[in-house]
Amino acid sequence: MTKLSLQLLPEQWIQSYADDLYSYAMSKTSKSDLSEDLVQETFLSALKSAKNFKGQSSEKTWLFAILKFKIADHYRKASTKYEFANSKLSKESGNFMEDYFTEDGEWKENSAPKIWNEDASIALENKELGIALNDCIEKLAENQKQLVLLKMVEETETEMVCKELNITPTNYWVIMHRAKLKLRACLEKTWFTT
């Protein structure tokens, strides 16, 4: 390990910088989900380019520089209009993200989550919804299912979930995000109708 790589402490990034990075991203985007994604992308990019860190600035300043680039890149891509054919989630395609999102991270037409009717809060108390939700959880990939059960059902702290599943906080965010998308799509197909 080189002297420069010893200056970086990636295992502490989430705890030390995630809130500040998220606040900055929110100030630039005003979108919670987008801000979370941009922070995740910042951490992933930083991990991939750690060997390029020269130590000429603090770790925090370096991470903010990466985030600023990610935000600018997002707006640059968003300013270009793309036309895509409608697509549905299919088991055959094998690429969940491409089925739902455009290259710039926006929902594809006819793939955006449907608005659930106003009685959805009443339905949450319904035993049949619980059965449908359990069925949807069972359809998740094993790592997603374990994460959802630990975090959302057993309400285990995120740090403990990461330790128990031997994953990084960044992996946790990615797995949880994908699991939530799959659960929502499953519930829309099997439970909620418009």
Protein backbone atom coordinates (compact mmCIF):
# COMPACT_ATOMS: atom_id res chain seq x y z
CA MET A 1 0.00 0.00 0.00
CA THR A 2 1.39 3.39 -0.93
CA LYS A 3 1.68 6.34 1.41
CA LEU A 4 -1.05 8.19 -0.52
CA SER A 5 -3.60 5.40 -0.22
CA LEU A 6 -3.02 5.33 3.55
CA GLN A 7 -4.34 8.91 3.72
CA LEU A 8 -7.77 7.77 2.57
CA LEU A 9 -10.12 6.08 5.03
CA PRO A 10 -12.99 4.75 2.88
CA GLU A 11 -14.42 2.70 5.73
CA GLN A 12 -15.23 5.99 7.52
CA TRP A 13 -16.65 7.92 4.54
CA ILE A 14 -20.30 7.11 5.21
CA GLN A 15 -20.13 8.07 8.87
CA SER A 16 -17.89 11.10 8.35
CA TYR A 17 -19.11 12.63 5.10
CA ALA A 18 -22.42 11.14 3.90
CA ASP A 19 -24.63 13.70 5.65
CA ASP A 20 -22.63 16.70 4.43
CA LEU A 21 -22.44 15.34 0.88
CA TYR A 22 -26.16 14.58 0.90
CA SER A 23 -27.02 18.08 2.17
CA TYR A 24 -24.92 19.63 -0.56
CA ALA A 25 -26.50 17.43 -3.25
CA MET A 26 -29.99 18.31 -1.93
CA SER A 27 -29.14 22.01 -2.15
CA LYS A 28 -28.31 21.53 -5.83
CA THR A 29 -31.02 19.05 -6.88
CA SER A 30 -33.89 19.35 -4.35
CA LYS A 31 -34.56 15.64 -4.94
CA SER A 32 -33.95 13.20 -2.10
CA ASP A 33 -33.61 10.04 -4.21
CA LEU A 34 -31.35 11.75 -6.73
CA SER A 35 -29.19 13.19 -3.94
CA GLU A 36 -28.79 9.74 -2.37
CA ASP A 37 -27.83 8.27 -5.74
CA LEU A 38 -25.29 11.03 -6.39
CA VAL A 39 -23.66 10.45 -2.99
CA GLN A 40 -23.50 6.71 -3.71
CA GLU A 41 -21.92 7.40 -7.10
CA THR A 42 -19.44 9.74 -5.42
CA PHE A 43 -18.30 7.04 -3.00
CA LEU A 44 -18.05 4.44 -5.76
CA SER A 45 -16.03 6.78 -7.99
CA ALA A 46 -13.77 7.69 -5.09
CA LEU A 47 -13.10 4.02 -4.35
CA LYS A 48 -12.31 3.35 -8.01
CA SER A 49 -9.97 6.33 -8.28
CA ALA A 50 -8.35 6.17 -4.83
CA LYS A 51 -4.98 5.52 -6.42
CA ASN A 52 -5.23 8.97 -8.07
CA PHE A 53 -5.64 10.81 -4.76
CA LYS A 54 -2.54 12.97 -4.44
CA GLY A 55 -3.15 14.25 -0.92
CA GLN A 56 -3.05 17.89 -2.08
CA SER A 57 -6.43 18.47 -0.44
CA SER A 58 -8.30 16.90 2.43
CA GLU A 59 -10.28 13.71 1.92
CA LYS A 60 -13.51 15.69 2.40
CA THR A 61 -12.55 18.33 -0.18
CA TRP A 62 -11.65 15.58 -2.65
CA LEU A 63 -15.02 13.84 -2.13
CA PHE A 64 -16.88 17.14 -2.58
CA ALA A 65 -14.99 17.74 -5.84
CA ILE A 66 -16.14 14.33 -7.10
CA LEU A 67 -19.72 15.05 -6.01
CA LYS A 68 -19.69 18.41 -7.81
CA PHE A 69 -18.58 16.64 -10.98
CA LYS A 70 -21.36 14.05 -10.55
CA ILE A 71 -23.98 16.79 -10.14
CA ALA A 72 -22.70 18.68 -13.20
CA ASP A 73 -22.63 15.42 -15.18
CA HIS A 74 -26.22 14.67 -14.14
CA TYR A 75 -27.45 18.05 -15.38
CA ARG A 76 -25.41 17.76 -18.55
CA LYS A 77 -27.06 14.42 -19.35
CA ALA A 78 -30.50 15.69 -18.32
CA SER A 79 -30.24 18.60 -20.73
CA THR A 80 -30.05 16.19 -23.68
CA LYS A 81 -33.38 14.68 -24.69
CA TYR A 82 -33.61 11.00 -25.51
CA GLU A 83 -36.46 9.00 -26.96
CA PHE A 84 -36.79 5.44 -25.82
CA ALA A 85 -39.28 2.78 -26.67
CA ASN A 86 -41.63 1.77 -23.85
CA SER A 87 -40.43 -1.24 -21.96
CA LYS A 88 -41.79 -3.45 -19.20
CA LEU A 89 -39.96 -5.40 -16.54
CA SER A 90 -39.36 -8.87 -17.92
CA LYS A 91 -37.65 -11.83 -16.42
CA GLU A 92 -36.02 -12.60 -19.75
CA SER A 93 -34.26 -9.23 -20.07
CA GLY A 94 -32.12 -9.74 -16.99
CA ASN A 95 -31.38 -6.01 -16.72
CA PHE A 96 -33.79 -4.49 -14.23
CA MET A 97 -32.36 -0.96 -14.26
CA GLU A 98 -32.49 -0.60 -18.05
CA ASP A 99 -36.11 -1.76 -18.05
CA TYR A 100 -37.17 1.07 -15.76
CA PHE A 101 -34.77 3.99 -16.23
CA THR A 102 -33.33 6.12 -19.01
CA GLU A 103 -29.59 6.73 -19.23
CA ASP A 104 -29.99 9.92 -17.21
CA GLY A 105 -31.74 8.12 -14.35
CA GLU A 106 -35.28 9.29 -15.05
CA TRP A 107 -38.27 6.93 -15.12
CA LYS A 108 -39.07 5.59 -18.57
CA GLU A 109 -42.54 6.35 -19.89
CA ASN A 110 -45.06 3.77 -18.64
CA SER A 111 -42.50 2.45 -16.13
CA ALA A 112 -42.90 5.11 -13.46
CA PRO A 113 -44.56 3.92 -10.25
CA LYS A 114 -48.32 4.16 -10.41
CA ILE A 115 -50.10 6.38 -7.90
CA TRP A 116 -51.73 4.15 -5.35
CA ASN A 117 -55.31 4.97 -4.50
CA GLU A 118 -56.10 7.01 -1.39
CA ASP A 119 -57.24 3.93 0.49
CA ALA A 120 -53.70 2.49 0.46
CA SER A 121 -53.13 3.44 4.12
CA ILE A 122 -56.25 1.48 5.09
CA ALA A 123 -55.08 -1.49 3.01
CA LEU A 124 -51.80 -1.62 4.94
CA GLU A 125 -53.72 -3.00 7.89
CA ASN A 126 -55.23 -5.67 5.70
CA LYS A 127 -53.97 -9.19 6.30
CA GLU A 128 -54.16 -9.98 2.59
CA LEU A 129 -51.71 -7.19 1.83
CA GLY A 130 -49.32 -8.73 4.35
CA ILE A 131 -49.56 -12.02 2.50
CA ALA A 132 -48.96 -10.30 -0.86
CA LEU A 133 -45.96 -8.43 0.58
CA ASN A 134 -44.49 -11.65 1.98
CA ASP A 135 -44.92 -13.31 -1.42
CA CYS A 136 -43.10 -10.39 -3.07
CA ILE A 137 -40.28 -10.53 -0.52
CA GLU A 138 -39.88 -14.26 -1.21
CA LYS A 139 -39.39 -13.47 -4.92
CA LEU A 140 -36.39 -11.21 -4.21
CA ALA A 141 -32.82 -12.35 -4.77
CA GLU A 142 -31.42 -13.94 -1.61
CA ASN A 143 -29.19 -10.99 -0.64
CA GLN A 144 -32.08 -8.55 -1.17
CA LYS A 145 -34.47 -10.72 0.82
CA GLN A 146 -32.07 -10.98 3.78
CA LEU A 147 -31.48 -7.24 3.75
CA VAL A 148 -35.20 -6.38 3.61
CA LEU A 149 -36.03 -8.82 6.40
CA LEU A 150 -33.27 -7.54 8.67
CA LYS A 151 -33.83 -3.84 8.04
CA MET A 152 -37.53 -3.44 7.30
CA VAL A 153 -39.09 -6.33 9.21
CA GLU A 154 -36.75 -6.80 12.17
CA GLU A 155 -35.79 -3.07 12.17
CA THR A 156 -32.10 -3.83 12.68
CA GLU A 157 -29.75 -0.83 12.62
CA THR A 158 -28.04 -0.32 9.26
CA GLU A 159 -24.56 -0.76 10.71
CA MET A 160 -25.55 -4.12 12.22
CA VAL A 161 -27.16 -5.23 8.95
CA CYS A 162 -23.92 -4.47 7.10
CA LYS A 163 -21.90 -6.44 9.66
CA GLU A 164 -24.27 -9.39 9.67
CA LEU A 165 -24.40 -9.61 5.87
CA ASN A 166 -20.71 -8.72 5.49
CA ILE A 167 -21.40 -5.85 3.07
CA THR A 168 -20.24 -2.26 2.86
CA PRO A 169 -22.62 0.65 3.50
CA THR A 170 -22.43 1.49 -0.21
CA ASN A 171 -23.47 -2.07 -1.11
CA TYR A 172 -26.28 -1.77 1.44
CA TRP A 173 -27.67 1.34 -0.29
CA VAL A 174 -27.52 -0.24 -3.74
CA ILE A 175 -29.09 -3.55 -2.66
CA MET A 176 -31.84 -1.81 -0.65
CA HIS A 177 -32.66 0.57 -3.51
CA ARG A 178 -33.02 -2.30 -5.99
CA ALA A 179 -35.04 -4.38 -3.52
CA LYS A 180 -37.49 -1.51 -2.93
CA LEU A 181 -37.97 -1.05 -6.67
CA LYS A 182 -38.66 -4.75 -7.13
CA LEU A 183 -41.06 -4.86 -4.18
CA ARG A 184 -42.98 -1.88 -5.49
CA ALA A 185 -43.23 -3.37 -8.98
CA CYS A 186 -44.38 -6.69 -7.53
CA LEU A 187 -47.02 -5.07 -5.32
CA GLU A 188 -48.29 -2.97 -8.21
CA LYS A 189 -48.75 -6.13 -10.25
CA THR A 190 -50.24 -8.28 -7.52
CA TRP A 191 -52.02 -5.92 -5.16
CA PHE A 192 -52.59 -2.30 -6.18
CA THR A 193 -54.56 -1.55 -9.31
CA THR A 194 -55.46 1.73 -10.90
